[in-house]
Amino acid sequence: MNRFEGGANREARIRYLDGDFQILMPGTHVICAMTGRTIPLDELRYWSVARQEPYVDATASYEAEKRAGALPVQR
């Protein structure tokens, strides 16, 4: 999607799939579930299928996994 296809500067609604995502409502960006930062759709690389959440980067994704208890505890 490019900037001229509608959804001008609006948050998109996304269904996160394994290795891909489906746009349910057009927009230009999503909001990181951990940081609250805006993620342009063309830069969206990290998300959780199980929690249906986007993340701005690998660190935010890792922290979300820790928060959800999805990672083993290190001793």
N, C-alpha and C. Protein backbone atom coordinates (compact mmCIF):
# COMPACT_ATOMS: atom_id res chain seq x y z
N MET A 1 0.86 -1.17 0.00
CA MET A 1 0.00 0.00 0.00
C MET A 1 0.90 1.23 0.00
N ASN A 2 0.57 2.20 -0.81
CA ASN A 2 1.33 3.44 -0.77
C ASN A 2 0.48 4.54 -0.15
N ARG A 3 1.06 5.69 0.01
CA ARG A 3 0.40 6.80 0.70
C ARG A 3 -0.85 7.29 0.00
N PHE A 4 -1.03 6.95 -1.26
CA PHE A 4 -2.15 7.49 -2.03
C PHE A 4 -3.31 6.51 -2.16
N GLU A 5 -3.26 5.39 -1.47
CA GLU A 5 -4.32 4.39 -1.58
C GLU A 5 -5.38 4.52 -0.51
N GLY A 6 -5.47 5.62 0.16
CA GLY A 6 -6.48 5.82 1.20
C GLY A 6 -5.88 5.60 2.57
N GLY A 7 -6.65 5.91 3.59
CA GLY A 7 -6.17 5.75 4.95
C GLY A 7 -5.14 6.79 5.33
N ALA A 8 -5.24 7.97 4.76
CA ALA A 8 -4.24 9.01 4.97
C ALA A 8 -3.98 9.28 6.44
N ASN A 9 -2.79 8.94 6.88
CA ASN A 9 -2.31 9.18 8.25
C ASN A 9 -3.28 8.67 9.30
N ARG A 10 -3.72 7.44 9.13
CA ARG A 10 -4.66 6.82 10.04
C ARG A 10 -4.08 5.47 10.45
N GLU A 11 -4.40 5.04 11.67
CA GLU A 11 -3.94 3.74 12.15
C GLU A 11 -4.68 2.63 11.40
N ALA A 12 -3.92 1.70 10.88
CA ALA A 12 -4.49 0.56 10.16
C ALA A 12 -4.95 -0.50 11.17
N ARG A 13 -5.93 -1.29 10.76
CA ARG A 13 -6.32 -2.48 11.53
C ARG A 13 -5.76 -3.68 10.79
N ILE A 14 -5.04 -4.51 11.51
CA ILE A 14 -4.27 -5.60 10.90
C ILE A 14 -4.62 -6.93 11.56
N ARG A 15 -4.64 -7.99 10.77
CA ARG A 15 -4.68 -9.36 11.29
C ARG A 15 -3.28 -9.91 11.06
N TYR A 16 -2.61 -10.26 12.16
CA TYR A 16 -1.23 -10.74 12.09
C TYR A 16 -1.23 -12.24 11.88
N LEU A 17 -0.53 -12.68 10.83
CA LEU A 17 -0.45 -14.08 10.45
C LEU A 17 1.00 -14.55 10.57
N ASP A 18 1.22 -15.84 10.40
CA ASP A 18 2.59 -16.37 10.40
C ASP A 18 3.33 -15.87 9.17
N GLY A 19 4.31 -15.00 9.37
CA GLY A 19 5.13 -14.51 8.27
C GLY A 19 4.49 -13.47 7.38
N ASP A 20 3.29 -13.03 7.69
CA ASP A 20 2.61 -12.05 6.87
C ASP A 20 1.52 -11.38 7.71
N PHE A 21 0.87 -10.39 7.15
CA PHE A 21 -0.27 -9.78 7.82
C PHE A 21 -1.30 -9.39 6.78
N GLN A 22 -2.53 -9.25 7.24
CA GLN A 22 -3.65 -8.91 6.36
C GLN A 22 -4.22 -7.57 6.84
N ILE A 23 -4.37 -6.65 5.93
CA ILE A 23 -4.92 -5.34 6.27
C ILE A 23 -6.44 -5.44 6.28
N LEU A 24 -7.03 -5.19 7.44
CA LEU A 24 -8.49 -5.24 7.59
C LEU A 24 -9.12 -3.88 7.34
N MET A 25 -8.39 -2.82 7.74
CA MET A 25 -8.85 -1.45 7.50
C MET A 25 -7.62 -0.64 7.11
N PRO A 26 -7.63 -0.01 5.94
CA PRO A 26 -6.45 0.72 5.46
C PRO A 26 -6.00 1.81 6.42
N GLY A 27 -4.72 2.03 6.42
CA GLY A 27 -4.10 3.07 7.21
C GLY A 27 -2.64 3.16 6.84
N THR A 28 -1.94 4.06 7.47
CA THR A 28 -0.53 4.26 7.16
C THR A 28 0.40 3.64 8.19
N HIS A 29 -0.14 3.30 9.36
CA HIS A 29 0.73 2.84 10.45
C HIS A 29 -0.05 2.01 11.47
N VAL A 30 0.71 1.40 12.38
CA VAL A 30 0.16 0.76 13.57
C VAL A 30 0.96 1.29 14.77
N ILE A 31 0.49 0.97 15.96
CA ILE A 31 1.13 1.45 17.18
C ILE A 31 1.76 0.26 17.92
N CYS A 32 3.03 0.39 18.27
CA CYS A 32 3.74 -0.67 18.99
C CYS A 32 3.05 -0.94 20.33
N ALA A 33 2.79 -2.21 20.59
CA ALA A 33 2.09 -2.60 21.82
C ALA A 33 2.95 -2.40 23.07
N MET A 34 4.26 -2.34 22.92
CA MET A 34 5.14 -2.18 24.07
C MET A 34 5.57 -0.74 24.30
N THR A 35 5.88 -0.02 23.24
CA THR A 35 6.46 1.32 23.38
C THR A 35 5.48 2.45 23.09
N GLY A 36 4.41 2.15 22.36
CA GLY A 36 3.48 3.20 21.95
C GLY A 36 3.96 3.99 20.74
N ARG A 37 5.10 3.60 20.19
CA ARG A 37 5.64 4.31 19.02
C ARG A 37 4.88 3.94 17.75
N THR A 38 4.83 4.86 16.82
CA THR A 38 4.19 4.65 15.53
C THR A 38 5.11 3.83 14.64
N ILE A 39 4.54 2.83 13.95
CA ILE A 39 5.29 1.99 13.02
C ILE A 39 4.64 2.12 11.64
N PRO A 40 5.31 2.76 10.68
CA PRO A 40 4.77 2.80 9.33
C PRO A 40 4.61 1.37 8.80
N LEU A 41 3.55 1.10 8.06
CA LEU A 41 3.30 -0.27 7.59
C LEU A 41 4.45 -0.83 6.78
N ASP A 42 5.13 -0.01 6.01
CA ASP A 42 6.24 -0.53 5.21
C ASP A 42 7.47 -0.85 6.05
N GLU A 43 7.45 -0.52 7.35
CA GLU A 43 8.55 -0.86 8.26
C GLU A 43 8.15 -1.91 9.29
N LEU A 44 6.93 -2.43 9.21
CA LEU A 44 6.44 -3.41 10.17
C LEU A 44 7.11 -4.76 9.91
N ARG A 45 7.90 -5.23 10.89
CA ARG A 45 8.62 -6.49 10.77
C ARG A 45 8.38 -7.45 11.93
N TYR A 46 7.90 -6.95 13.06
CA TYR A 46 7.76 -7.75 14.28
C TYR A 46 6.33 -7.69 14.80
N TRP A 47 5.77 -8.88 15.10
CA TRP A 47 4.44 -8.95 15.68
C TRP A 47 4.24 -10.30 16.33
N SER A 48 3.18 -10.40 17.12
CA SER A 48 2.80 -11.67 17.74
C SER A 48 1.49 -12.12 17.12
N VAL A 49 1.51 -13.32 16.56
CA VAL A 49 0.28 -13.91 16.02
C VAL A 49 -0.65 -14.25 17.18
N ALA A 50 -0.09 -14.83 18.24
CA ALA A 50 -0.91 -15.27 19.39
C ALA A 50 -1.61 -14.10 20.07
N ARG A 51 -0.91 -12.98 20.23
CA ARG A 51 -1.49 -11.83 20.93
C ARG A 51 -2.02 -10.75 19.98
N GLN A 52 -1.77 -10.91 18.67
CA GLN A 52 -2.22 -9.95 17.66
C GLN A 52 -1.74 -8.54 18.01
N GLU A 53 -0.41 -8.43 18.27
CA GLU A 53 0.21 -7.16 18.63
C GLU A 53 1.41 -6.88 17.73
N PRO A 54 1.58 -5.61 17.30
CA PRO A 54 2.78 -5.23 16.55
C PRO A 54 3.86 -4.68 17.50
N TYR A 55 5.12 -4.80 17.06
CA TYR A 55 6.25 -4.29 17.84
C TYR A 55 7.18 -3.50 16.93
N VAL A 56 7.76 -2.45 17.48
CA VAL A 56 8.61 -1.55 16.71
C VAL A 56 9.94 -2.20 16.34
N ASP A 57 10.45 -3.09 17.18
CA ASP A 57 11.73 -3.73 16.90
C ASP A 57 11.84 -5.05 17.66
N ALA A 58 12.99 -5.73 17.48
CA ALA A 58 13.20 -7.04 18.11
C ALA A 58 13.22 -6.93 19.64
N THR A 59 13.75 -5.85 20.16
CA THR A 59 13.80 -5.67 21.61
C THR A 59 12.39 -5.58 22.19
N ALA A 60 11.54 -4.81 21.56
CA ALA A 60 10.15 -4.69 22.03
C ALA A 60 9.44 -6.04 21.93
N SER A 61 9.70 -6.79 20.87
CA SER A 61 9.11 -8.11 20.72
C SER A 61 9.57 -9.05 21.83
N TYR A 62 10.86 -9.03 22.12
CA TYR A 62 11.42 -9.86 23.18
C TYR A 62 10.82 -9.50 24.54
N GLU A 63 10.71 -8.21 24.82
CA GLU A 63 10.13 -7.77 26.10
C GLU A 63 8.66 -8.20 26.21
N ALA A 64 7.94 -8.19 25.10
CA ALA A 64 6.54 -8.64 25.11
C ALA A 64 6.47 -10.14 25.42
N GLU A 65 7.39 -10.91 24.86
CA GLU A 65 7.44 -12.34 25.15
C GLU A 65 7.72 -12.58 26.62
N LYS A 66 8.66 -11.82 27.18
CA LYS A 66 8.95 -11.95 28.62
C LYS A 66 7.72 -11.59 29.45
N ARG A 67 7.06 -10.50 29.11
CA ARG A 67 5.88 -10.05 29.84
C ARG A 67 4.78 -11.10 29.81
N ALA A 68 4.65 -11.77 28.68
CA ALA A 68 3.59 -12.79 28.51
C ALA A 68 3.97 -14.12 29.14
N GLY A 69 5.21 -14.23 29.62
CA GLY A 69 5.66 -15.49 30.22
C GLY A 69 5.92 -16.56 29.18
N ALA A 70 6.17 -16.16 27.94
CA ALA A 70 6.38 -17.10 26.86
C ALA A 70 7.83 -17.57 26.73
N LEU A 71 8.74 -16.98 27.52
CA LEU A 71 10.14 -17.37 27.48
C LEU A 71 10.49 -18.14 28.74
N PRO A 72 11.43 -19.09 28.64
CA PRO A 72 11.87 -19.80 29.84
C PRO A 72 12.62 -18.87 30.78
N VAL A 73 12.49 -19.11 32.06
CA VAL A 73 13.18 -18.31 33.06
C VAL A 73 14.65 -18.71 33.09
N GLN A 74 15.55 -17.72 33.03
CA GLN A 74 16.99 -18.00 33.09
C GLN A 74 17.43 -17.98 34.53
N ARG A 75 18.27 -18.93 34.89
CA ARG A 75 18.78 -18.99 36.28
C ARG A 75 20.25 -18.87 36.32
